[in-house]
C-alpha atoms as a PDB file:
ATOM      1  CA  MET A   1      -5.386 -53.483   1.931  1.00  0.00           C
ATOM      2  CA  ALA A   2      -3.178 -51.029   3.830  1.00  0.00           C
ATOM      3  CA  LYS A   3      -4.790 -49.135   6.647  1.00  0.00           C
ATOM      4  CA  ALA A   4      -5.123 -45.396   5.928  1.00  0.00           C
ATOM      5  CA  ALA A   5      -3.086 -43.117   8.118  1.00  0.00           C
ATOM      6  CA  ALA A   6      -5.069 -41.275  10.740  1.00  0.00           C
ATOM      7  CA  ASP A   7      -5.512 -37.602  10.124  1.00  0.00           C
ATOM      8  CA  PRO A   8      -3.761 -35.836  13.031  1.00  0.00           C
ATOM      9  CA  ALA A   9      -5.403 -32.472  12.398  1.00  0.00           C
ATOM     10  CA  SER A  10      -6.601 -31.105  15.714  1.00  0.00           C
ATOM     11  CA  ASN A  11     -10.062 -29.594  15.925  1.00  0.00           C
ATOM     12  CA  PRO A  12     -10.307 -28.517  12.240  1.00  0.00           C
ATOM     13  CA  ALA A  13     -13.619 -26.817  12.964  1.00  0.00           C
ATOM     14  CA  ALA A  14     -12.365 -24.694  15.850  1.00  0.00           C
ATOM     15  CA  GLY A  15     -14.801 -21.866  16.453  1.00  0.00           C
ATOM     16  CA  ARG A  16     -14.293 -18.169  17.103  1.00  0.00           C
ATOM     17  CA  THR A  17     -14.449 -18.729  20.865  1.00  0.00           C
ATOM     18  CA  THR A  18     -11.368 -20.981  20.608  1.00  0.00           C
ATOM     19  CA  TYR A  19      -9.349 -18.228  18.973  1.00  0.00           C
ATOM     20  CA  ALA A  20     -10.721 -15.544  21.283  1.00  0.00           C
ATOM     21  CA  ALA A  21      -9.680 -17.625  24.292  1.00  0.00           C
ATOM     22  CA  LEU A  22      -6.231 -18.089  22.769  1.00  0.00           C
ATOM     23  CA  GLU A  23      -5.839 -14.335  22.278  1.00  0.00           C
ATOM     24  CA  ALA A  24      -6.906 -13.705  25.877  1.00  0.00           C
ATOM     25  CA  ARG A  25      -4.429 -16.307  27.167  1.00  0.00           C
ATOM     26  CA  LEU A  26      -1.591 -14.586  25.300  1.00  0.00           C
ATOM     27  CA  ASN A  27      -2.801 -11.097  26.269  1.00  0.00           C
ATOM     28  CA  LEU A  28      -3.261 -10.111  22.622  1.00  0.00           C
ATOM     29  CA  ALA A  29      -6.070  -8.124  21.043  1.00  0.00           C
ATOM     30  CA  PHE A  30      -5.975  -8.266  17.260  1.00  0.00           C
ATOM     31  CA  LYS A  31      -8.155  -5.745  15.453  1.00  0.00           C
ATOM     32  CA  ASP A  32      -8.693  -8.298  12.716  1.00  0.00           C
ATOM     33  CA  ARG A  33     -11.013 -10.862  14.305  1.00  0.00           C
ATOM     34  CA  GLU A  34      -9.875 -13.546  11.877  1.00  0.00           C
ATOM     35  CA  MET A  35      -6.163 -13.025  12.548  1.00  0.00           C
ATOM     36  CA  MET A  36      -5.745 -15.782  15.141  1.00  0.00           C
ATOM     37  CA  GLU A  37      -7.687 -18.220  12.975  1.00  0.00           C
ATOM     38  CA  ARG A  38      -5.326 -17.412  10.098  1.00  0.00           C
ATOM     39  CA  VAL A  39      -2.319 -17.915  12.394  1.00  0.00           C
ATOM     40  CA  CYS A  40      -3.548 -21.418  13.232  1.00  0.00           C
ATOM     41  CA  THR A  41      -4.461 -22.423   9.658  1.00  0.00           C
ATOM     42  CA  HIS A  42      -1.710 -24.251   7.806  1.00  0.00           C
ATOM     43  CA  PRO A  43      -1.746 -24.161   3.968  1.00  0.00           C
ATOM     44  CA  SER A  44      -2.315 -27.934   3.964  1.00  0.00           C
ATOM     45  CA  PHE A  45      -5.777 -27.500   5.428  1.00  0.00           C
ATOM     46  CA  ALA A  46      -8.216 -28.121   2.580  1.00  0.00           C
ATOM     47  CA  ALA A  47     -10.380 -25.048   3.159  1.00  0.00           C
ATOM     48  CA  ALA A  48      -7.309 -22.824   3.454  1.00  0.00           C
ATOM     49  CA  ALA A  49      -5.835 -24.236   0.252  1.00  0.00           C
ATOM     50  CA  ALA A  50      -9.064 -23.635  -1.625  1.00  0.00           C
ATOM     51  CA  ALA A  51      -9.318 -20.088  -0.265  1.00  0.00           C
ATOM     52  CA  THR A  52      -5.715 -19.370  -1.196  1.00  0.00           C
ATOM     53  CA  GLU A  53      -6.374 -20.483  -4.770  1.00  0.00           C
ATOM     54  CA  ALA A  54      -9.339 -18.116  -4.802  1.00  0.00           C
ATOM     55  CA  GLY A  55      -7.070 -15.302  -3.665  1.00  0.00           C
ATOM     56  CA  GLU A  56      -8.524 -14.970  -0.162  1.00  0.00           C
ATOM     57  CA  GLY A  57      -5.259 -15.868   1.571  1.00  0.00           C
ATOM     58  CA  THR A  58      -6.693 -17.468   4.719  1.00  0.00           C
ATOM     59  CA  SER A  59      -3.669 -19.653   5.536  1.00  0.00           C
ATOM     60  CA  ASN A  60      -0.769 -18.561   7.752  1.00  0.00           C
ATOM     61  CA  GLU A  61       1.795 -18.804   4.944  1.00  0.00           C
ATOM     62  CA  ARG A  62       2.438 -15.074   4.510  1.00  0.00           C
ATOM     63  CA  LEU A  63       2.373 -14.383   8.262  1.00  0.00           C
ATOM     64  CA  GLN A  64       4.845 -17.230   8.786  1.00  0.00           C
ATOM     65  CA  TRP A  65       7.166 -15.790   6.129  1.00  0.00           C
ATOM     66  CA  ILE A  66       7.146 -12.404   7.881  1.00  0.00           C
ATOM     67  CA  GLY A  67       7.422 -13.884  11.380  1.00  0.00           C
ATOM     68  CA  LYS A  68      10.433 -16.011  10.461  1.00  0.00           C
ATOM     69  CA  ARG A  69      12.352 -12.911   9.407  1.00  0.00           C
ATOM     70  CA  VAL A  70      11.245 -10.917  12.451  1.00  0.00           C
ATOM     71  CA  LEU A  71      12.432 -13.766  14.693  1.00  0.00           C
ATOM     72  CA  ASN A  72      15.755 -13.972  12.858  1.00  0.00           C
ATOM     73  CA  LEU A  73      16.283 -10.260  13.516  1.00  0.00           C
ATOM     74  CA  TYR A  74      15.410 -10.171  17.214  1.00  0.00           C
ATOM     75  CA  VAL A  75      16.875 -13.566  18.125  1.00  0.00           C
ATOM     76  CA  GLY A  76      20.075 -12.760  16.226  1.00  0.00           C
ATOM     77  CA  GLU A  77      20.339  -9.348  17.861  1.00  0.00           C
ATOM     78  CA  HIS A  78      19.826 -10.930  21.285  1.00  0.00           C
ATOM     79  CA  LEU A  79      22.392 -13.724  20.796  1.00  0.00           C
ATOM     80  CA  ALA A  80      25.035 -11.392  19.358  1.00  0.00           C
ATOM     81  CA  ALA A  81      24.753  -9.154  22.425  1.00  0.00           C
ATOM     82  CA  LYS A  82      24.530 -12.021  24.925  1.00  0.00           C
ATOM     83  CA  TYR A  83      27.533 -14.007  23.623  1.00  0.00           C
ATOM     84  CA  PRO A  84      30.171 -11.453  22.514  1.00  0.00           C
ATOM     85  CA  ASN A  85      32.944 -14.090  22.198  1.00  0.00           C
ATOM     86  CA  MET A  86      30.964 -16.531  20.073  1.00  0.00           C
ATOM     87  CA  PRO A  87      31.894 -16.851  16.368  1.00  0.00           C
ATOM     88  CA  VAL A  88      29.187 -16.449  13.733  1.00  0.00           C
ATOM     89  CA  GLU A  89      29.112 -20.182  12.970  1.00  0.00           C
ATOM     90  CA  MET A  90      28.382 -20.982  16.615  1.00  0.00           C
ATOM     91  CA  LEU A  91      25.785 -18.212  16.870  1.00  0.00           C
ATOM     92  CA  GLN A  92      24.054 -19.813  13.895  1.00  0.00           C
ATOM     93  CA  ASP A  93      24.121 -23.221  15.615  1.00  0.00           C
ATOM     94  CA  VAL A  94      22.639 -21.758  18.804  1.00  0.00           C
ATOM     95  CA  GLN A  95      19.935 -19.913  16.882  1.00  0.00           C
ATOM     96  CA  HIS A  96      18.982 -23.034  14.935  1.00  0.00           C
ATOM     97  CA  GLY A  97      19.207 -25.390  17.920  1.00  0.00           C
ATOM     98  CA  SER A  98      17.461 -23.251  20.527  1.00  0.00           C
ATOM     99  CA  PHE A  99      15.070 -21.206  18.377  1.00  0.00           C
ATOM    100  CA  GLY A 100      14.394 -23.459  15.380  1.00  0.00           C
ATOM    101  CA  LEU A 101      11.066 -25.093  14.536  1.00  0.00           C
ATOM    102  CA  SER A 102      11.404 -27.837  17.171  1.00  0.00           C
ATOM    103  CA  SER A 103      11.985 -25.314  19.934  1.00  0.00           C
ATOM    104  CA  LEU A 104       9.222 -23.040  18.641  1.00  0.00           C
ATOM    105  CA  ALA A 105       6.872 -26.045  18.624  1.00  0.00           C
ATOM    106  CA  GLU A 106       7.442 -26.370  22.377  1.00  0.00           C
ATOM    107  CA  VAL A 107       6.546 -22.691  22.710  1.00  0.00           C
ATOM    108  CA  GLY A 108       3.376 -23.403  20.702  1.00  0.00           C
ATOM    109  CA  ARG A 109       2.404 -26.244  23.015  1.00  0.00           C
ATOM    110  CA  HIS A 110       2.951 -23.962  26.000  1.00  0.00           C
ATOM    111  CA  PHE A 111       0.724 -21.344  24.352  1.00  0.00           C
ATOM    112  CA  GLY A 112      -1.997 -23.950  23.774  1.00  0.00           C
ATOM    113  CA  LEU A 113      -1.902 -23.613  19.969  1.00  0.00           C
ATOM    114  CA  GLN A 114      -2.186 -27.321  19.213  1.00  0.00           C
ATOM    115  CA  PRO A 115      -5.957 -27.728  19.797  1.00  0.00           C
ATOM    116  CA  ALA A 116      -6.613 -24.701  17.574  1.00  0.00           C
ATOM    117  CA  LEU A 117      -4.449 -25.835  14.637  1.00  0.00           C
ATOM    118  CA  ARG A 118      -6.042 -26.622  11.289  1.00  0.00           C
ATOM    119  CA  TRP A 119      -3.884 -28.794   9.029  1.00  0.00           C
ATOM    120  CA  ARG A 120      -3.777 -32.052   7.101  1.00  0.00           C
ATOM    121  CA  SER A 121      -0.911 -34.536   7.198  1.00  0.00           C
ATOM    122  CA  VAL A 122       0.157 -36.368   4.049  1.00  0.00           C
ATOM    123  CA  ALA A 123       2.898 -38.277   5.902  1.00  0.00           C
ATOM    124  CA  LYS A 124       2.744 -41.825   7.171  1.00  0.00           C
ATOM    125  CA  GLU A 125       1.046 -42.322  10.511  1.00  0.00           C
ATOM    126  CA  GLU A 126       4.356 -42.855  12.345  1.00  0.00           C
ATOM    127  CA  ASP A 127       5.674 -39.548  10.918  1.00  0.00           C
ATOM    128  CA  ALA A 128       2.629 -37.526  11.966  1.00  0.00           C
ATOM    129  CA  LYS A 129       4.321 -36.204  15.110  1.00  0.00           C
ATOM    130  CA  VAL A 130       7.203 -34.871  13.031  1.00  0.00           C
ATOM    131  CA  GLY A 131       4.727 -33.087  10.786  1.00  0.00           C
ATOM    132  CA  LEU A 132       2.904 -31.675  13.797  1.00  0.00           C
ATOM    133  CA  THR A 133       6.178 -30.282  15.186  1.00  0.00           C
ATOM    134  CA  LYS A 134       6.818 -28.365  11.962  1.00  0.00           C
ATOM    135  CA  VAL A 135       3.235 -27.111  11.756  1.00  0.00           C
ATOM    136  CA  LEU A 136       3.335 -25.920  15.377  1.00  0.00           C
ATOM    137  CA  GLY A 137       6.687 -24.200  14.908  1.00  0.00           C
ATOM    138  CA  LYS A 138       5.479 -22.413  11.796  1.00  0.00           C
ATOM    139  CA  ALA A 139       2.299 -21.353  13.607  1.00  0.00           C
ATOM    140  CA  VAL A 140       4.445 -19.659  16.261  1.00  0.00           C
ATOM    141  CA  GLN A 141       6.382 -17.893  13.484  1.00  0.00           C
ATOM    142  CA  ALA A 142       3.036 -16.834  11.997  1.00  0.00           C
ATOM    143  CA  LEU A 143       1.917 -15.535  15.398  1.00  0.00           C
ATOM    144  CA  VAL A 144       5.035 -13.354  15.629  1.00  0.00           C
ATOM    145  CA  GLY A 145       4.329 -12.151  12.087  1.00  0.00           C
ATOM    146  CA  ALA A 146       0.751 -11.301  13.048  1.00  0.00           C
ATOM    147  CA  VAL A 147       1.880  -9.272  16.081  1.00  0.00           C
ATOM    148  CA  TYR A 148       4.419  -7.446  13.923  1.00  0.00           C
ATOM    149  CA  GLN A 149       1.910  -6.771  11.144  1.00  0.00           C
ATOM    150  CA  GLU A 150      -0.883  -5.460  13.372  1.00  0.00           C
ATOM    151  CA  MET A 151       0.915  -3.973  16.355  1.00  0.00           C
ATOM    152  CA  GLY A 152       4.321  -2.917  15.045  1.00  0.00           C
ATOM    153  CA  ALA A 153       7.985  -3.652  15.610  1.00  0.00           C
ATOM    154  CA  ARG A 154       8.101  -2.670  19.291  1.00  0.00           C
ATOM    155  CA  ALA A 155       5.212  -4.983  20.215  1.00  0.00           C
ATOM    156  CA  ALA A 156       6.764  -7.828  18.206  1.00  0.00           C
ATOM    157  CA  GLN A 157      10.132  -7.362  19.928  1.00  0.00           C
ATOM    158  CA  GLN A 158       8.502  -7.386  23.370  1.00  0.00           C
ATOM    159  CA  PHE A 159       6.472 -10.495  22.485  1.00  0.00           C
ATOM    160  CA  VAL A 160       9.605 -12.330  21.298  1.00  0.00           C
ATOM    161  CA  GLN A 161      11.582 -11.286  24.372  1.00  0.00           C
ATOM    162  CA  GLN A 162       8.835 -12.302  26.790  1.00  0.00           C
ATOM    163  CA  HIS A 163       7.785 -15.625  25.282  1.00  0.00           C
ATOM    164  CA  ILE A 164      10.740 -16.910  23.268  1.00  0.00           C
ATOM    165  CA  LEU A 165      14.018 -15.309  24.326  1.00  0.00           C
ATOM    166  CA  ALA A 166      13.193 -15.859  28.008  1.00  0.00           C
ATOM    167  CA  ARG A 167      13.623 -19.624  27.487  1.00  0.00           C
ATOM    168  CA  PRO A 168      16.955 -21.089  28.693  1.00  0.00           C
ATOM    169  CA  VAL A 169      19.659 -21.778  26.095  1.00  0.00           C
ATOM    170  CA  ASP A 170      21.687 -24.983  26.520  1.00  0.00           C
ATOM    171  CA  THR A 171      24.860 -24.006  24.675  1.00  0.00           C
ATOM    172  CA  GLU A 172      26.720 -27.157  25.756  1.00  0.00           C
ATOM    173  CA  THR A 173      24.208 -29.389  23.981  1.00  0.00           C
ATOM    174  CA  VAL A 174      23.703 -27.163  20.959  1.00  0.00           C
ATOM    175  CA  LEU A 175      27.319 -26.360  20.108  1.00  0.00           C
ATOM    176  CA  GLN A 176      29.030 -29.085  18.082  1.00  0.00           C
ATOM    177  CA  ILE A 177      32.673 -29.215  19.197  1.00  0.00           C
ATOM    178  CA  SER A 178      34.176 -32.340  17.631  1.00  0.00           C
ATOM    179  CA  ASN A 179      37.895 -31.729  18.341  1.00  0.00           C
ATOM    180  CA  PRO A 180      38.115 -29.434  21.372  1.00  0.00           C
ATOM    181  CA  ARG A 181      41.837 -29.944  22.019  1.00  0.00           C
ATOM    182  CA  ALA A 182      42.780 -28.741  18.536  1.00  0.00           C
ATOM    183  CA  MET A 183      40.274 -25.860  18.744  1.00  0.00           C
ATOM    184  CA  LEU A 184      41.640 -24.815  22.132  1.00  0.00           C
ATOM    185  CA  GLY A 185      45.174 -24.811  20.746  1.00  0.00           C
ATOM    186  CA  GLN A 186      44.091 -22.566  17.874  1.00  0.00           C
ATOM    187  CA  LEU A 187      42.260 -20.229  20.261  1.00  0.00           C
ATOM    188  CA  THR A 188      45.225 -19.837  22.624  1.00  0.00           C
ATOM    189  CA  ARG A 189      47.567 -19.082  19.699  1.00  0.00           C
ATOM    190  CA  LYS A 190      45.105 -16.475  18.432  1.00  0.00           C
ATOM    191  CA  LYS A 191      44.891 -14.889  21.896  1.00  0.00           C
ATOM    192  CA  GLY A 192      48.668 -14.971  22.391  1.00  0.00           C
ATOM    193  CA  LEU A 193      48.378 -17.296  25.400  1.00  0.00           C
ATOM    194  CA  GLU A 194      50.628 -20.174  26.396  1.00  0.00           C
ATOM    195  CA  PHE A 195      49.840 -23.502  24.736  1.00  0.00           C
ATOM    196  CA  PRO A 196      47.298 -25.454  26.843  1.00  0.00           C
ATOM    197  CA  VAL A 197      48.649 -28.387  28.856  1.00  0.00           C
ATOM    198  CA  ALA A 198      46.534 -31.138  30.458  1.00  0.00           C
ATOM    199  CA  ARG A 199      47.377 -32.207  33.997  1.00  0.00           C
ATOM    200  CA  ILE A 200      45.847 -34.883  36.197  1.00  0.00           C
ATOM    201  CA  LEU A 201      44.179 -33.323  39.237  1.00  0.00           C
ATOM    202  CA  LYS A 202      42.860 -36.505  40.795  1.00  0.00           C
ATOM    203  CA  GLU A 203      42.441 -40.151  39.890  1.00  0.00           C
ATOM    204  CA  THR A 204      40.994 -43.294  41.382  1.00  0.00           C
ATOM    205  CA  GLY A 205      40.892 -46.947  40.369  1.00  0.00           C
ATOM    206  CA  ARG A 206      43.519 -46.700  37.611  1.00  0.00           C
ATOM    207  CA  PHE A 207      44.065 -50.465  37.632  1.00  0.00           C
ATOM    208  CA  THR A 208      40.413 -51.420  38.140  1.00  0.00           C
ATOM    209  CA  SER A 209      37.530 -51.912  35.703  1.00  0.00           C
ATOM    210  CA  SER A 210      36.034 -48.501  36.569  1.00  0.00           C
ATOM    211  CA  PRO A 211      38.759 -45.858  36.798  1.00  0.00           C
ATOM    212  CA  VAL A 212      37.963 -42.150  37.076  1.00  0.00           C
ATOM    213  CA  PHE A 213      40.331 -39.360  36.041  1.00  0.00           C
ATOM    214  CA  ILE A 214      39.873 -35.648  36.711  1.00  0.00           C
ATOM    215  CA  VAL A 215      41.977 -33.477  34.415  1.00  0.00           C
ATOM    216  CA  GLY A 216      42.613 -29.748  34.296  1.00  0.00           C
ATOM    217  CA  VAL A 217      43.773 -27.798  31.255  1.00  0.00           C
ATOM    218  CA  PHE A 218      46.258 -25.036  32.054  1.00  0.00           C
ATOM    219  CA  CYS A 219      47.586 -22.048  30.142  1.00  0.00           C
ATOM    220  CA  GLY A 220      50.670 -21.307  32.203  1.00  0.00           C
ATOM    221  CA  VAL A 221      49.587 -21.342  35.835  1.00  0.00           C
ATOM    222  CA  LYS A 222      45.920 -20.609  35.104  1.00  0.00           C
ATOM    223  CA  MET A 223      43.481 -23.502  34.849  1.00  0.00           C
ATOM    224  CA  VAL A 224      41.071 -22.724  31.998  1.00  0.00           C
ATOM    225  CA  GLY A 225      39.018 -25.926  31.976  1.00  0.00           C
ATOM    226  CA  MET A 226      38.315 -29.145  33.858  1.00  0.00           C
ATOM    227  CA  GLY A 227      36.831 -32.512  32.905  1.00  0.00           C
ATOM    228  CA  PHE A 228      36.490 -36.087  34.074  1.00  0.00           C
ATOM    229  CA  GLY A 229      36.243 -39.481  32.416  1.00  0.00           C
ATOM    230  CA  SER A 230      36.986 -43.186  32.585  1.00  0.00           C
ATOM    231  CA  SER A 231      40.147 -42.588  30.556  1.00  0.00           C
ATOM    232  CA  LEU A 232      42.734 -39.835  30.357  1.00  0.00           C
ATOM    233  CA  LYS A 233      41.760 -39.165  26.736  1.00  0.00           C
ATOM    234  CA  MET A 234      38.083 -38.680  27.656  1.00  0.00           C
ATOM    235  CA  ALA A 235      38.939 -36.439  30.610  1.00  0.00           C
ATOM    236  CA  GLU A 236      41.277 -34.288  28.475  1.00  0.00           C
ATOM    237  CA  HIS A 237      38.580 -34.027  25.783  1.00  0.00           C
ATOM    238  CA  ARG A 238      36.003 -32.811  28.310  1.00  0.00           C
ATOM    239  CA  ALA A 239      38.451 -30.421  29.965  1.00  0.00           C
ATOM    240  CA  ALA A 240      39.296 -28.805  26.621  1.00  0.00           C
ATOM    241  CA  LYS A 241      35.597 -28.554  25.751  1.00  0.00           C
ATOM    242  CA  ASP A 242      34.896 -26.970  29.142  1.00  0.00           C
ATOM    243  CA  ALA A 243      37.578 -24.346  28.462  1.00  0.00           C
ATOM    244  CA  LEU A 244      36.092 -23.548  25.044  1.00  0.00           C
ATOM    245  CA  LEU A 245      32.568 -23.250  26.435  1.00  0.00           C
ATOM    246  CA  LYS A 246      33.748 -20.942  29.203  1.00  0.00           C
ATOM    247  CA  HIS A 247      35.188 -18.646  26.552  1.00  0.00           C
ATOM    248  CA  TYR A 248      32.721 -18.842  23.669  1.00  0.00           C
ATOM    249  CA  ALA A 249      29.557 -19.217  25.776  1.00  0.00           C
ATOM    250  CA  LYS A 250      30.467 -16.485  28.248  1.00  0.00           C
ATOM    251  CA  GLU A 251      27.235 -14.563  28.815  1.00  0.00           C
ATOM    252  CA  ILE A 252      26.482 -10.908  29.324  1.00  0.00           C
ATOM    253  CA  LYS A 253      23.720 -11.284  31.888  1.00  0.00           C
ATOM    254  CA  ASP A 254      21.924  -7.947  31.751  1.00  0.00           C
ATOM    255  CA  ILE A 255      21.933  -6.966  28.104  1.00  0.00           C
ATOM    256  CA  GLU A 256      20.035  -3.891  26.972  1.00  0.00           C
ATOM    257  CA  LEU A 257      18.857  -3.780  23.382  1.00  0.00           C
ATOM    258  CA  PRO A 258      17.429  -0.650  21.752  1.00  0.00           C
ATOM    259  CA  GLU A 259      13.682  -0.719  21.276  1.00  0.00           C
ATOM    260  CA  PRO A 260      12.577  -0.117  17.689  1.00  0.00           C
ATOM    261  CA  ALA A 261      10.676   3.100  17.120  1.00  0.00           C
ATOM    262  CA  ASP A 262       7.352   2.858  15.304  1.00  0.00           C
ATOM    263  CA  SER A 263       8.731   5.174  12.657  1.00  0.00           C
ATOM    264  CA  GLU A 264      11.636   2.860  11.790  1.00  0.00           C
ATOM    265  CA  VAL A 265      11.788   0.829   8.569  1.00  0.00           C
ATOM    266  CA  SER A 266       9.117  -1.859   8.528  1.00  0.00           C
ATOM    267  CA  PHE A 267       7.524  -4.382   6.200  1.00  0.00           C
ATOM    268  CA  PHE A 268       4.442  -2.194   6.349  1.00  0.00           C
ATOM    269  CA  ALA A 269       3.687   1.500   6.081  1.00  0.00           C
ATOM    270  CA  ALA A 270       2.806   3.265   9.319  1.00  0.00           C
ATOM    271  CA  ASP A 271      -0.581   4.193   7.869  1.00  0.00           C
ATOM    272  CA  ALA A 272      -1.453   2.278   4.750  1.00  0.00           C
ATOM    273  CA  SER A 273      -4.610   4.306   4.282  1.00  0.00           C
ATOM    274  CA  ALA A 274      -2.854   7.670   4.312  1.00  0.00           C
ATOM    275  CA  ALA A 275      -2.787   9.505   1.037  1.00  0.00           C
ATOM    276  CA  PRO A 276       0.659   9.923  -0.557  1.00  0.00           C
ATOM    277  CA  ALA A 277       2.267  13.328  -0.185  1.00  0.00           C
ATOM    278  CA  THR A 278       2.105  15.602  -3.192  1.00  0.00           C
ATOM    279  CA  ARG A 279       4.881  17.807  -4.450  1.00  0.00           C
ATOM    280  CA  GLN A 280       4.477  21.532  -3.909  1.00  0.00           C
END
């Protein structure tokens, strides 16, 4: 008989003190005392599923839906301002690679969300960590949604900037550049520059088992990229990629984004309890 997979749910009976401590750690003060518990409760958790069927909505599903869209807005706004030369396709890759669920799960671990999570895994035991990564990432999205829902757009933007956008972005790893020499040729034609030419800057051990070549890529007299490798082809590939990264991943260091006013368009009314205006 096959051994049942262990349930990786962490502390499913986490008490109010757990959530209060989590709020204090993140410097948050939700008016709704059950908000943090809802943030940490995945729809897979049995009690949450039963409550949802009863219409009580105690899982983080709706908060996660809101938070995902809030993150898309503020992360997208940030990346577009930070990388003015980067095409939309690359911006999308950076957003997915550096601010997707896997990255948000690391943020959740840093926050200390994992011990407070309530969820149930239906995956095989060896896949439990993958499930946990998704659950953690979605909990962070739900947390952003909770801040937005209770405290408004400005508070949500500040929370995202402080805890998520402050993380370093590794554009070299995230960006998929499969044929940099061809891409660099297209870019130089588009910019009206001279066609890029690779030149050997230094080499050693050409006729040994471990040669090293250092190659520069030049547009006219200007070197736009440099790379090394055990073959000329590898060094040229890396030099072309270096040139592309210097252009597309050029950063604006001190970007200033407008802060949203509380009166701006939101998912929620400024005062849901206010009576609708009547016509005179």
